[in-house]
N, C-alpha and C. Protein backbone atom coordinates (compact mmCIF):
# COMPACT_ATOMS: atom_id res chain seq x y z
N MET A 1 -66.44 173.89 -12.57
CA MET A 1 -66.41 174.23 -10.64
C MET A 1 -67.31 173.29 -10.11
N TYR A 2 -68.11 172.69 -10.34
CA TYR A 2 -69.32 171.71 -9.47
C TYR A 2 -68.33 170.40 -9.43
N LYS A 3 -67.30 170.32 -9.92
CA LYS A 3 -66.38 168.97 -9.72
C LYS A 3 -65.68 169.55 -8.34
N PHE A 4 -65.56 170.61 -7.68
CA PHE A 4 -64.38 170.38 -6.33
C PHE A 4 -65.49 170.39 -5.34
N ASN A 5 -66.86 170.77 -5.33
CA ASN A 5 -68.16 170.42 -4.45
C ASN A 5 -68.78 168.88 -4.08
N LYS A 6 -67.93 168.05 -5.51
CA LYS A 6 -68.19 167.05 -4.77
C LYS A 6 -67.44 165.73 -3.93
N PRO A 7 -68.45 165.48 -2.95
CA PRO A 7 -67.54 164.16 -2.32
C PRO A 7 -66.24 163.25 -3.51
N ALA A 8 -64.78 163.22 -2.74
CA ALA A 8 -64.28 162.38 -3.19
C ALA A 8 -64.35 160.93 -2.89
N ALA A 9 -63.63 160.24 -3.38
CA ALA A 9 -63.96 158.68 -3.75
C ALA A 9 -63.23 158.50 -2.19
N PRO A 10 -63.59 157.63 -1.16
CA PRO A 10 -62.71 157.03 0.06
C PRO A 10 -61.16 157.08 -1.03
N ALA A 11 -60.27 157.19 -0.31
CA ALA A 11 -58.96 156.74 -0.58
C ALA A 11 -58.59 155.22 0.10
N VAL A 12 -58.01 153.72 -0.51
CA VAL A 12 -57.93 153.04 -0.40
C VAL A 12 -56.57 152.84 0.30
N VAL A 13 -56.54 152.50 1.83
CA VAL A 13 -54.99 152.71 2.55
C VAL A 13 -54.17 151.53 1.99
N ALA A 14 -55.47 149.82 2.06
CA ALA A 14 -54.03 148.87 1.84
C ALA A 14 -55.22 147.93 1.21
N SER A 15 -54.59 147.03 0.78
CA SER A 15 -55.45 145.93 0.27
C SER A 15 -54.87 144.33 0.07
N ALA A 16 -55.83 143.47 0.72
CA ALA A 16 -55.44 142.45 0.11
C ALA A 16 -55.45 141.49 -0.78
N GLU A 17 -54.78 140.14 -1.74
CA GLU A 17 -54.45 140.55 -2.48
C GLU A 17 -55.54 139.10 -2.00
N SER A 18 -56.16 138.24 -3.14
CA SER A 18 -57.07 136.74 -2.61
C SER A 18 -56.66 135.64 -3.76
N PRO A 19 -55.75 134.76 -3.71
CA PRO A 19 -56.04 133.84 -5.01
C PRO A 19 -57.34 134.08 -5.67
N ALA A 20 -58.08 133.77 -4.83
CA ALA A 20 -59.67 133.41 -5.70
C ALA A 20 -60.22 134.38 -5.99
N GLN A 21 -59.66 135.55 -5.93
CA GLN A 21 -59.89 137.09 -6.76
C GLN A 21 -59.72 137.00 -8.46
N PRO A 22 -60.59 137.09 -9.53
CA PRO A 22 -60.53 137.23 -10.49
C PRO A 22 -58.69 138.55 -10.50
N ALA A 23 -58.06 137.72 -11.76
CA ALA A 23 -56.80 138.76 -12.10
C ALA A 23 -57.28 140.32 -12.73
N SER A 24 -58.68 140.46 -13.15
CA SER A 24 -58.53 141.97 -13.46
C SER A 24 -59.33 142.26 -12.27
N VAL A 25 -59.54 141.71 -11.11
CA VAL A 25 -60.10 142.65 -10.14
C VAL A 25 -58.65 142.88 -9.04
N GLN A 26 -58.09 142.16 -8.81
CA GLN A 26 -56.53 142.29 -8.75
C GLN A 26 -55.62 143.16 -9.07
N GLN A 27 -56.06 143.55 -10.56
CA GLN A 27 -55.06 144.96 -11.17
C GLN A 27 -55.70 146.06 -10.37
N ALA A 28 -57.45 146.00 -10.77
CA ALA A 28 -57.80 146.99 -10.80
C ALA A 28 -57.57 147.64 -8.69
N GLU A 29 -57.16 146.87 -7.67
CA GLU A 29 -56.91 147.10 -6.68
C GLU A 29 -56.07 147.64 -6.70
N GLN A 30 -55.00 147.33 -7.25
CA GLN A 30 -53.40 147.60 -7.38
C GLN A 30 -53.44 148.58 -7.91
N ALA A 31 -53.89 148.89 -9.12
CA ALA A 31 -54.51 150.06 -9.32
C ALA A 31 -54.74 151.59 -8.69
N VAL A 32 -55.46 151.18 -7.93
CA VAL A 32 -56.06 151.92 -6.86
C VAL A 32 -54.90 151.70 -6.20
N VAL A 33 -53.97 150.93 -5.07
CA VAL A 33 -53.12 151.24 -4.25
C VAL A 33 -52.02 152.71 -5.03
N HIS A 34 -51.04 152.24 -5.53
CA HIS A 34 -50.84 153.35 -6.44
C HIS A 34 -51.00 153.92 -6.24
N SER A 35 -52.36 154.47 -6.83
CA SER A 35 -53.00 156.00 -6.50
C SER A 35 -53.53 156.74 -5.40
N ILE A 36 -52.18 156.45 -4.37
CA ILE A 36 -52.40 156.55 -3.14
C ILE A 36 -51.54 157.45 -2.89
N PRO A 37 -52.63 159.42 -2.14
CA PRO A 37 -51.95 159.87 -1.91
C PRO A 37 -50.03 160.65 -1.68
N THR A 38 -49.75 161.43 -1.66
CA THR A 38 -48.00 161.16 -0.91
C THR A 38 -48.31 161.15 0.51
N HIS A 39 -49.36 161.58 0.87
CA HIS A 39 -49.29 162.54 1.99
C HIS A 39 -49.54 161.49 3.47
N ALA A 40 -50.03 160.29 1.99
CA ALA A 40 -50.11 159.18 3.47
C ALA A 40 -48.92 158.64 4.04
N VAL A 41 -49.63 158.17 5.73
CA VAL A 41 -48.75 157.48 6.64
C VAL A 41 -48.30 156.53 6.15
N PRO A 42 -46.98 156.34 6.18
CA PRO A 42 -46.18 155.07 5.79
C PRO A 42 -46.64 154.31 7.23
N ALA A 43 -46.41 152.63 6.63
CA ALA A 43 -46.62 151.84 7.71
C ALA A 43 -45.14 151.93 8.30
N PRO A 44 -45.56 151.44 9.48
CA PRO A 44 -44.79 151.24 10.43
C PRO A 44 -43.15 150.07 10.38
N ALA A 45 -41.56 150.45 10.62
CA ALA A 45 -40.61 150.14 10.59
C ALA A 45 -41.19 148.11 10.53
N PRO A 46 -41.14 147.16 9.96
CA PRO A 46 -40.66 146.21 10.30
C PRO A 46 -39.69 145.81 11.35
N VAL A 47 -40.56 145.38 12.59
CA VAL A 47 -39.62 144.73 13.53
C VAL A 47 -38.25 143.14 13.28
N LYS A 48 -37.40 144.27 14.02
CA LYS A 48 -35.93 143.02 13.44
C LYS A 48 -36.35 141.66 14.19
N LYS A 49 -35.89 140.25 14.25
CA LYS A 49 -35.83 139.16 14.87
C LYS A 49 -35.04 139.81 16.07
N ASP A 50 -33.95 140.22 16.20
CA ASP A 50 -33.83 140.05 17.40
C ASP A 50 -33.64 141.41 18.40
N GLN A 51 -34.34 141.45 18.11
CA GLN A 51 -35.40 142.89 18.83
C GLN A 51 -36.38 141.90 19.77
N LYS A 52 -36.11 142.24 20.70
CA LYS A 52 -37.25 141.74 21.87
C LYS A 52 -38.43 142.80 22.47
N SER A 53 -39.21 141.99 22.27
CA SER A 53 -40.81 142.71 22.27
C SER A 53 -40.78 143.37 23.33
N LEU A 54 -41.17 144.01 24.20
CA LEU A 54 -40.99 145.29 25.44
C LEU A 54 -41.64 144.83 26.20
N ASN A 55 -42.62 144.03 25.64
CA ASN A 55 -43.72 143.01 26.75
C ASN A 55 -42.92 142.00 27.05
N THR A 56 -41.91 141.40 26.90
CA THR A 56 -41.42 140.54 27.36
C THR A 56 -41.25 139.99 28.24
N ALA A 57 -41.06 139.67 29.02
CA ALA A 57 -41.16 139.24 30.67
C ALA A 57 -40.02 138.65 30.36
N ARG A 58 -39.11 139.06 31.32
CA ARG A 58 -37.32 138.72 31.55
C ARG A 58 -37.99 137.72 33.26
N ASP A 59 -36.97 136.35 32.69
CA ASP A 59 -36.66 135.48 33.91
C ASP A 59 -36.39 135.65 35.07
N LEU A 60 -37.26 135.88 36.51
CA LEU A 60 -37.14 136.39 37.32
C LEU A 60 -36.19 135.22 38.15
N SER A 61 -37.03 133.35 37.75
CA SER A 61 -36.35 132.49 38.39
C SER A 61 -35.88 132.32 39.23
N GLY A 62 -35.04 131.70 40.12
CA GLY A 62 -34.12 131.28 40.74
C GLY A 62 -34.18 132.27 41.98
N LYS A 63 -32.71 132.63 42.16
CA LYS A 63 -32.78 132.89 44.41
C LYS A 63 -31.86 134.59 44.46
N TRP A 64 -32.76 134.72 44.98
CA TRP A 64 -32.57 136.54 45.35
C TRP A 64 -32.13 136.77 46.36
N ASN A 65 -31.23 138.17 46.60
CA ASN A 65 -30.98 138.21 48.04
C ASN A 65 -31.99 140.31 47.75
N VAL A 66 -32.40 140.09 48.50
CA VAL A 66 -33.20 141.33 48.56
C VAL A 66 -33.30 142.21 50.30
N VAL A 67 -32.85 144.04 50.04
CA VAL A 67 -31.95 144.51 51.16
C VAL A 67 -33.03 145.48 50.91
N ASN A 68 -33.71 145.73 52.19
CA ASN A 68 -35.40 146.67 52.23
C ASN A 68 -34.02 147.85 53.41
N THR A 69 -34.23 149.25 52.96
CA THR A 69 -33.90 149.77 54.11
C THR A 69 -34.81 150.98 54.70
N VAL A 70 -35.29 151.16 56.00
CA VAL A 70 -36.59 151.70 56.18
C VAL A 70 -36.44 153.05 56.01
N GLU A 71 -37.20 153.40 56.05
CA GLU A 71 -36.51 155.24 55.38
C GLU A 71 -37.53 156.23 56.49
N SER A 72 -39.12 155.81 55.78
CA SER A 72 -39.82 155.82 57.09
C SER A 72 -41.00 154.97 58.10
N THR A 73 -40.96 155.51 59.20
CA THR A 73 -41.57 154.07 60.18
C THR A 73 -42.17 155.34 61.13
N SER A 74 -42.97 154.06 61.83
CA SER A 74 -44.06 154.49 63.27
C SER A 74 -42.85 154.55 64.84
N TYR A 75 -41.75 153.37 64.41
CA TYR A 75 -41.37 152.88 65.55
C TYR A 75 -40.35 153.04 65.25
N GLY A 76 -39.49 154.37 65.67
CA GLY A 76 -38.33 154.83 66.00
C GLY A 76 -36.96 154.31 65.67
N THR A 77 -36.91 152.85 66.18
CA THR A 77 -35.89 152.12 66.31
C THR A 77 -35.38 151.79 65.18
N TYR A 78 -36.38 151.25 63.91
CA TYR A 78 -36.74 150.54 62.57
C TYR A 78 -36.13 151.84 62.01
N LYS A 79 -36.02 152.91 62.23
CA LYS A 79 -35.59 153.81 61.22
C LYS A 79 -33.75 153.67 60.65
N ASN A 80 -33.58 153.98 59.95
CA ASN A 80 -32.01 153.23 58.59
C ASN A 80 -32.58 152.08 58.82
N MET A 81 -32.77 151.58 59.75
CA MET A 81 -32.62 149.67 59.54
C MET A 81 -32.43 148.95 58.19
N LYS A 82 -31.20 148.17 58.05
CA LYS A 82 -30.91 147.44 56.94
C LYS A 82 -31.89 146.03 57.25
N ILE A 83 -32.97 145.67 56.18
CA ILE A 83 -33.35 144.02 56.61
C ILE A 83 -33.56 143.44 55.33
N GLY A 84 -32.82 142.13 55.39
CA GLY A 84 -32.09 141.66 54.53
C GLY A 84 -33.33 140.39 54.41
N PHE A 85 -33.39 139.46 53.05
CA PHE A 85 -34.35 138.50 52.79
C PHE A 85 -33.50 137.44 51.67
N ALA A 86 -33.85 136.17 51.89
CA ALA A 86 -33.02 135.34 51.02
C ALA A 86 -34.28 135.11 50.84
N LEU A 87 -34.63 134.77 48.99
CA LEU A 87 -35.88 134.65 48.64
C LEU A 87 -35.99 134.03 47.00
N SER A 88 -36.08 132.81 47.20
CA SER A 88 -36.76 132.23 45.77
C SER A 88 -37.97 132.37 45.21
N ILE A 89 -37.63 132.71 43.58
CA ILE A 89 -38.53 133.22 42.73
C ILE A 89 -39.01 131.98 41.90
N ASP A 90 -39.99 132.05 41.83
CA ASP A 90 -40.60 131.05 40.18
C ASP A 90 -41.57 131.41 39.77
N GLN A 91 -41.48 131.94 38.20
CA GLN A 91 -41.63 132.10 37.29
C GLN A 91 -42.21 131.67 36.25
N THR A 92 -43.61 131.92 35.71
CA THR A 92 -44.53 131.14 35.00
C THR A 92 -45.14 132.32 34.07
N GLY A 93 -44.44 132.89 32.95
CA GLY A 93 -44.95 133.89 32.11
C GLY A 93 -44.30 135.38 32.47
N SER A 94 -45.50 136.00 32.81
CA SER A 94 -45.33 137.64 33.56
C SER A 94 -45.55 137.79 35.23
N THR A 95 -46.24 136.16 35.50
CA THR A 95 -46.17 136.24 36.85
C THR A 95 -45.24 135.61 38.03
N PHE A 96 -45.74 135.62 39.30
CA PHE A 96 -44.40 134.59 39.60
C PHE A 96 -44.93 134.43 41.50
N THR A 97 -44.24 133.91 41.78
CA THR A 97 -44.10 133.53 42.97
C THR A 97 -42.56 133.72 43.84
N GLY A 98 -42.95 133.57 45.11
CA GLY A 98 -41.51 133.37 45.95
C GLY A 98 -41.81 133.01 46.74
N SER A 99 -40.91 132.16 48.15
CA SER A 99 -40.55 132.52 49.37
C SER A 99 -39.05 132.51 50.12
N GLY A 100 -39.24 132.75 50.98
CA GLY A 100 -37.68 132.70 51.64
C GLY A 100 -38.06 133.00 53.00
N ARG A 101 -37.06 133.57 53.50
CA ARG A 101 -36.80 134.09 55.00
C ARG A 101 -36.22 135.61 55.11
N LYS A 102 -35.99 135.56 56.17
CA LYS A 102 -35.71 137.29 57.23
C LYS A 102 -33.92 136.75 57.59
N VAL A 103 -33.10 136.96 57.03
CA VAL A 103 -31.84 136.76 57.23
C VAL A 103 -30.85 137.41 57.82
N SER A 104 -31.13 138.84 58.11
CA SER A 104 -30.73 139.78 58.24
C SER A 104 -31.16 140.78 58.77
N GLU A 105 -30.25 141.38 59.81
CA GLU A 105 -30.30 142.82 59.91
C GLU A 105 -29.24 143.80 60.53
N ASN A 106 -29.38 144.71 59.37
CA ASN A 106 -28.54 145.72 59.63
C ASN A 106 -26.38 145.05 59.55
N GLY A 107 -26.99 143.90 58.19
CA GLY A 107 -25.90 142.74 57.80
C GLY A 107 -25.46 141.82 58.68
N ARG A 108 -26.45 141.63 60.07
CA ARG A 108 -25.93 140.64 60.83
C ARG A 108 -27.09 139.61 60.43
N THR A 109 -26.04 138.46 59.81
CA THR A 109 -27.38 137.18 60.35
C THR A 109 -28.01 137.04 61.31
N LEU A 110 -29.28 136.85 61.25
CA LEU A 110 -30.55 136.24 62.42
C LEU A 110 -29.80 135.28 62.41
N PRO A 111 -30.12 134.29 63.72
CA PRO A 111 -30.20 133.61 64.36
C PRO A 111 -31.29 132.24 63.67
N THR A 112 -30.94 130.71 63.37
CA THR A 112 -31.93 130.41 62.80
C THR A 112 -33.28 130.22 63.57
N GLY A 113 -33.79 130.47 64.61
CA GLY A 113 -34.78 130.44 65.45
C GLY A 113 -35.67 131.61 65.07
N SER A 114 -34.46 133.26 64.72
CA SER A 114 -35.28 133.99 63.91
C SER A 114 -35.89 134.69 62.94
N ARG A 115 -35.56 133.95 62.04
CA ARG A 115 -35.44 134.20 60.37
C ARG A 115 -36.73 133.90 60.07
N THR A 116 -38.06 134.81 60.01
CA THR A 116 -39.04 134.86 59.61
C THR A 116 -39.76 134.43 58.31
N PRO A 117 -40.45 133.34 58.13
CA PRO A 117 -41.16 132.91 56.56
C PRO A 117 -41.72 135.00 56.08
N ILE A 118 -41.34 134.14 54.38
CA ILE A 118 -42.06 135.46 53.84
C ILE A 118 -42.53 135.22 52.34
N GLN A 119 -43.44 135.44 52.00
CA GLN A 119 -44.61 134.87 50.32
C GLN A 119 -44.79 136.16 49.93
N VAL A 120 -44.44 135.75 48.47
CA VAL A 120 -44.01 136.96 47.63
C VAL A 120 -45.45 136.72 46.40
N LYS A 121 -45.89 136.95 45.49
CA LYS A 121 -46.54 137.12 44.68
C LYS A 121 -46.54 138.51 43.89
N GLY A 122 -46.36 138.11 42.32
CA GLY A 122 -46.20 139.45 41.59
C GLY A 122 -46.23 139.34 40.03
N SER A 123 -46.37 140.54 39.28
CA SER A 123 -46.16 140.02 38.16
C SER A 123 -45.14 141.42 37.49
N ILE A 124 -45.08 141.12 36.46
CA ILE A 124 -43.62 141.99 35.44
C ILE A 124 -44.80 142.84 34.41
N ASN A 125 -44.05 143.71 33.79
CA ASN A 125 -44.88 144.11 32.90
C ASN A 125 -43.79 145.08 32.43
N GLY A 126 -42.74 144.34 31.60
CA GLY A 126 -41.95 145.53 31.10
C GLY A 126 -40.82 145.28 31.74
N ASP A 127 -39.66 146.85 32.10
CA ASP A 127 -38.94 146.36 33.34
C ASP A 127 -39.84 146.84 34.98
N ARG A 128 -40.88 147.03 34.86
CA ARG A 128 -41.83 147.33 35.98
C ARG A 128 -41.76 145.47 36.53
N ILE A 129 -42.23 145.58 37.93
CA ILE A 129 -42.33 144.64 38.76
C ILE A 129 -43.23 145.36 39.80
N GLU A 130 -44.06 144.21 39.85
CA GLU A 130 -45.02 144.40 41.27
C GLU A 130 -45.40 143.71 42.13
N ALA A 131 -45.09 143.47 43.11
CA ALA A 131 -45.15 141.97 44.18
C ALA A 131 -46.01 142.63 45.38
N THR A 132 -47.10 141.58 46.03
CA THR A 132 -47.40 141.44 47.03
C THR A 132 -46.55 140.68 48.22
N PHE A 133 -45.97 141.16 49.34
CA PHE A 133 -46.17 139.71 49.83
C PHE A 133 -46.12 139.95 51.37
N PHE A 134 -45.94 138.42 52.25
CA PHE A 134 -46.58 138.29 53.30
C PHE A 134 -45.45 137.64 54.01
N GLU A 135 -45.39 138.35 55.42
CA GLU A 135 -44.93 137.94 56.14
C GLU A 135 -44.78 137.52 57.58
N ASP A 136 -44.30 136.24 58.61
CA ASP A 136 -45.30 135.45 59.52
C ASP A 136 -43.85 136.36 60.94
N GLY A 137 -44.25 137.46 61.20
CA GLY A 137 -43.32 137.83 61.57
C GLY A 137 -42.85 137.15 63.08
N THR A 138 -42.02 137.46 63.92
CA THR A 138 -42.01 136.74 65.96
C THR A 138 -43.20 137.38 66.74
N ALA A 139 -43.49 138.60 66.29
CA ALA A 139 -44.25 138.82 67.15
C ALA A 139 -46.09 139.20 66.40
N ARG A 140 -45.71 139.12 65.43
CA ARG A 140 -47.42 139.15 64.51
C ARG A 140 -47.42 139.36 62.99
N LYS A 141 -48.25 138.90 62.13
CA LYS A 141 -48.25 139.25 60.78
C LYS A 141 -48.22 140.08 59.95
N SER A 142 -47.83 140.59 58.80
CA SER A 142 -47.29 141.76 58.49
C SER A 142 -47.24 141.65 56.69
N ASN A 143 -47.99 142.21 56.53
CA ASN A 143 -48.32 142.22 54.25
C ASN A 143 -47.57 143.74 53.45
N GLY A 144 -47.21 143.61 52.62
CA GLY A 144 -47.04 144.89 51.61
C GLY A 144 -46.47 144.79 50.79
N LYS A 145 -45.86 145.78 50.12
CA LYS A 145 -45.19 145.40 48.54
C LYS A 145 -44.41 145.75 48.06
N PHE A 146 -43.80 145.72 47.28
CA PHE A 146 -42.71 145.74 46.52
C PHE A 146 -42.91 146.34 45.09
N VAL A 147 -42.30 147.70 44.66
CA VAL A 147 -42.20 148.19 43.42
C VAL A 147 -40.91 147.90 43.03
N TRP A 148 -40.28 147.37 42.02
CA TRP A 148 -38.96 147.23 41.24
C TRP A 148 -38.88 147.89 40.32
N ARG A 149 -37.52 147.89 39.64
CA ARG A 149 -37.28 147.93 37.98
C ARG A 149 -36.13 147.26 38.09
N ILE A 150 -36.21 146.36 36.43
CA ILE A 150 -35.32 145.67 36.47
C ILE A 150 -33.45 147.00 35.80
N ASP A 151 -32.03 145.93 36.62
CA ASP A 151 -31.61 146.65 35.56
C ASP A 151 -30.88 146.16 34.27
N LYS A 152 -30.12 147.12 33.22
CA LYS A 152 -30.19 146.84 32.22
C LYS A 152 -29.81 145.78 31.97
N ALA A 153 -29.03 145.06 32.74
CA ALA A 153 -28.29 143.48 32.68
C ALA A 153 -29.11 142.44 33.45
N GLY A 154 -30.28 142.98 33.99
CA GLY A 154 -30.83 141.82 34.50
C GLY A 154 -30.60 140.97 35.58
N ARG A 155 -29.74 141.77 35.78
CA ARG A 155 -29.86 141.14 37.36
C ARG A 155 -29.69 141.67 38.98
N GLY A 156 -30.22 142.83 38.47
CA GLY A 156 -30.72 143.66 39.67
C GLY A 156 -31.95 144.30 39.51
N LEU A 157 -32.45 144.56 40.86
CA LEU A 157 -33.89 145.12 40.69
C LEU A 157 -33.47 146.29 41.86
N THR A 158 -34.48 147.44 41.69
CA THR A 158 -34.42 148.53 42.29
C THR A 158 -35.54 149.43 42.73
N GLY A 159 -35.91 149.61 43.71
CA GLY A 159 -37.17 150.18 44.11
C GLY A 159 -37.56 150.77 45.32
N ASN A 160 -38.93 150.17 45.64
CA ASN A 160 -38.90 150.91 47.31
C ASN A 160 -40.23 149.40 47.50
N PHE A 161 -40.28 150.04 49.18
CA PHE A 161 -41.57 148.74 49.67
C PHE A 161 -42.25 149.54 50.48
N ALA A 162 -42.99 149.42 51.15
CA ALA A 162 -43.66 149.31 52.03
C ALA A 162 -44.57 147.96 52.85
N THR A 163 -44.77 148.42 54.37
CA THR A 163 -45.46 147.14 54.99
C THR A 163 -46.41 147.70 56.23
N THR A 164 -46.43 147.18 56.35
CA THR A 164 -47.91 147.59 57.69
C THR A 164 -47.05 147.07 59.25
N ALA A 165 -45.31 146.24 58.96
CA ALA A 165 -44.93 146.24 60.04
C ALA A 165 -44.39 147.67 60.21
N ALA A 166 -45.10 148.46 61.31
CA ALA A 166 -44.35 149.94 62.13
C ALA A 166 -44.84 150.50 60.80
N ARG A 167 -46.04 150.54 59.91
CA ARG A 167 -46.23 151.07 59.31
C ARG A 167 -45.14 152.58 58.26
N SER A 168 -43.86 151.10 58.46
CA SER A 168 -42.45 150.89 57.34
C SER A 168 -42.43 151.51 56.09
N SER A 169 -41.81 152.28 55.44
CA SER A 169 -41.61 151.58 54.04
C SER A 169 -40.38 152.37 53.62
N GLY A 170 -39.44 152.37 52.61
CA GLY A 170 -38.19 152.81 51.95
C GLY A 170 -37.90 151.90 50.62
N LYS A 171 -36.51 152.25 50.79
CA LYS A 171 -35.93 151.62 49.49
C LYS A 171 -35.57 150.02 49.37
N SER A 172 -36.00 149.75 48.12
CA SER A 172 -35.50 147.97 48.17
C SER A 172 -34.41 147.65 47.16
N ALA A 173 -33.70 147.23 47.29
CA ALA A 173 -32.61 146.55 46.04
C ALA A 173 -32.98 144.59 46.46
N ALA A 174 -32.82 144.31 45.06
CA ALA A 174 -32.65 142.73 45.24
C ALA A 174 -31.70 142.13 44.02
N THR A 175 -30.09 141.17 44.59
CA THR A 175 -29.33 141.05 43.75
C THR A 175 -29.42 139.57 43.31
N ARG A 176 -29.20 138.88 42.42
CA ARG A 176 -29.68 138.02 41.56
C ARG A 176 -28.38 136.94 42.37
N GLU A 177 -28.59 135.62 42.79
CA GLU A 177 -27.55 134.99 43.97
C GLU A 177 -27.01 134.32 41.99
N MET A 178 -25.69 133.89 42.34
CA MET A 178 -25.16 133.76 40.60
C MET A 178 -24.16 131.64 40.97
């Protein structure tokens, strides 16, 4: 009867074998391991070598075409405007930088003198990309943020943007140049 009130010895969940241990110690540890209760939590399944880790950053290096569609703005003329950028991205690990130019408005190519520069800096976490940008507009400088998701094929990005230029925000999509 008193046997049930005594605290049980802690269960051994795993052991490590070391060649420096005498054979009798190794046999004793193996005997304890085999006595693990059947309700113990099983070890996770091994990861296959061909599976990619979710934290592995996709390579975004290369040339991209970005189109922002203005949905909200303090300047009515910008509403529903589609602004296009040509962007070159250089990625190192899970971070990247990029530079480019604004190249179009509502599908019309801008003259060379109106193509304002843009700089981008961001990070990749799984299929989520966050980047800040700085644009030297013709009237003033502006900055903002992109938040994108990588499509399954890795060729496109979709998400949102927000900028200080007329407090504009909306949808953003990018496609890789082939």
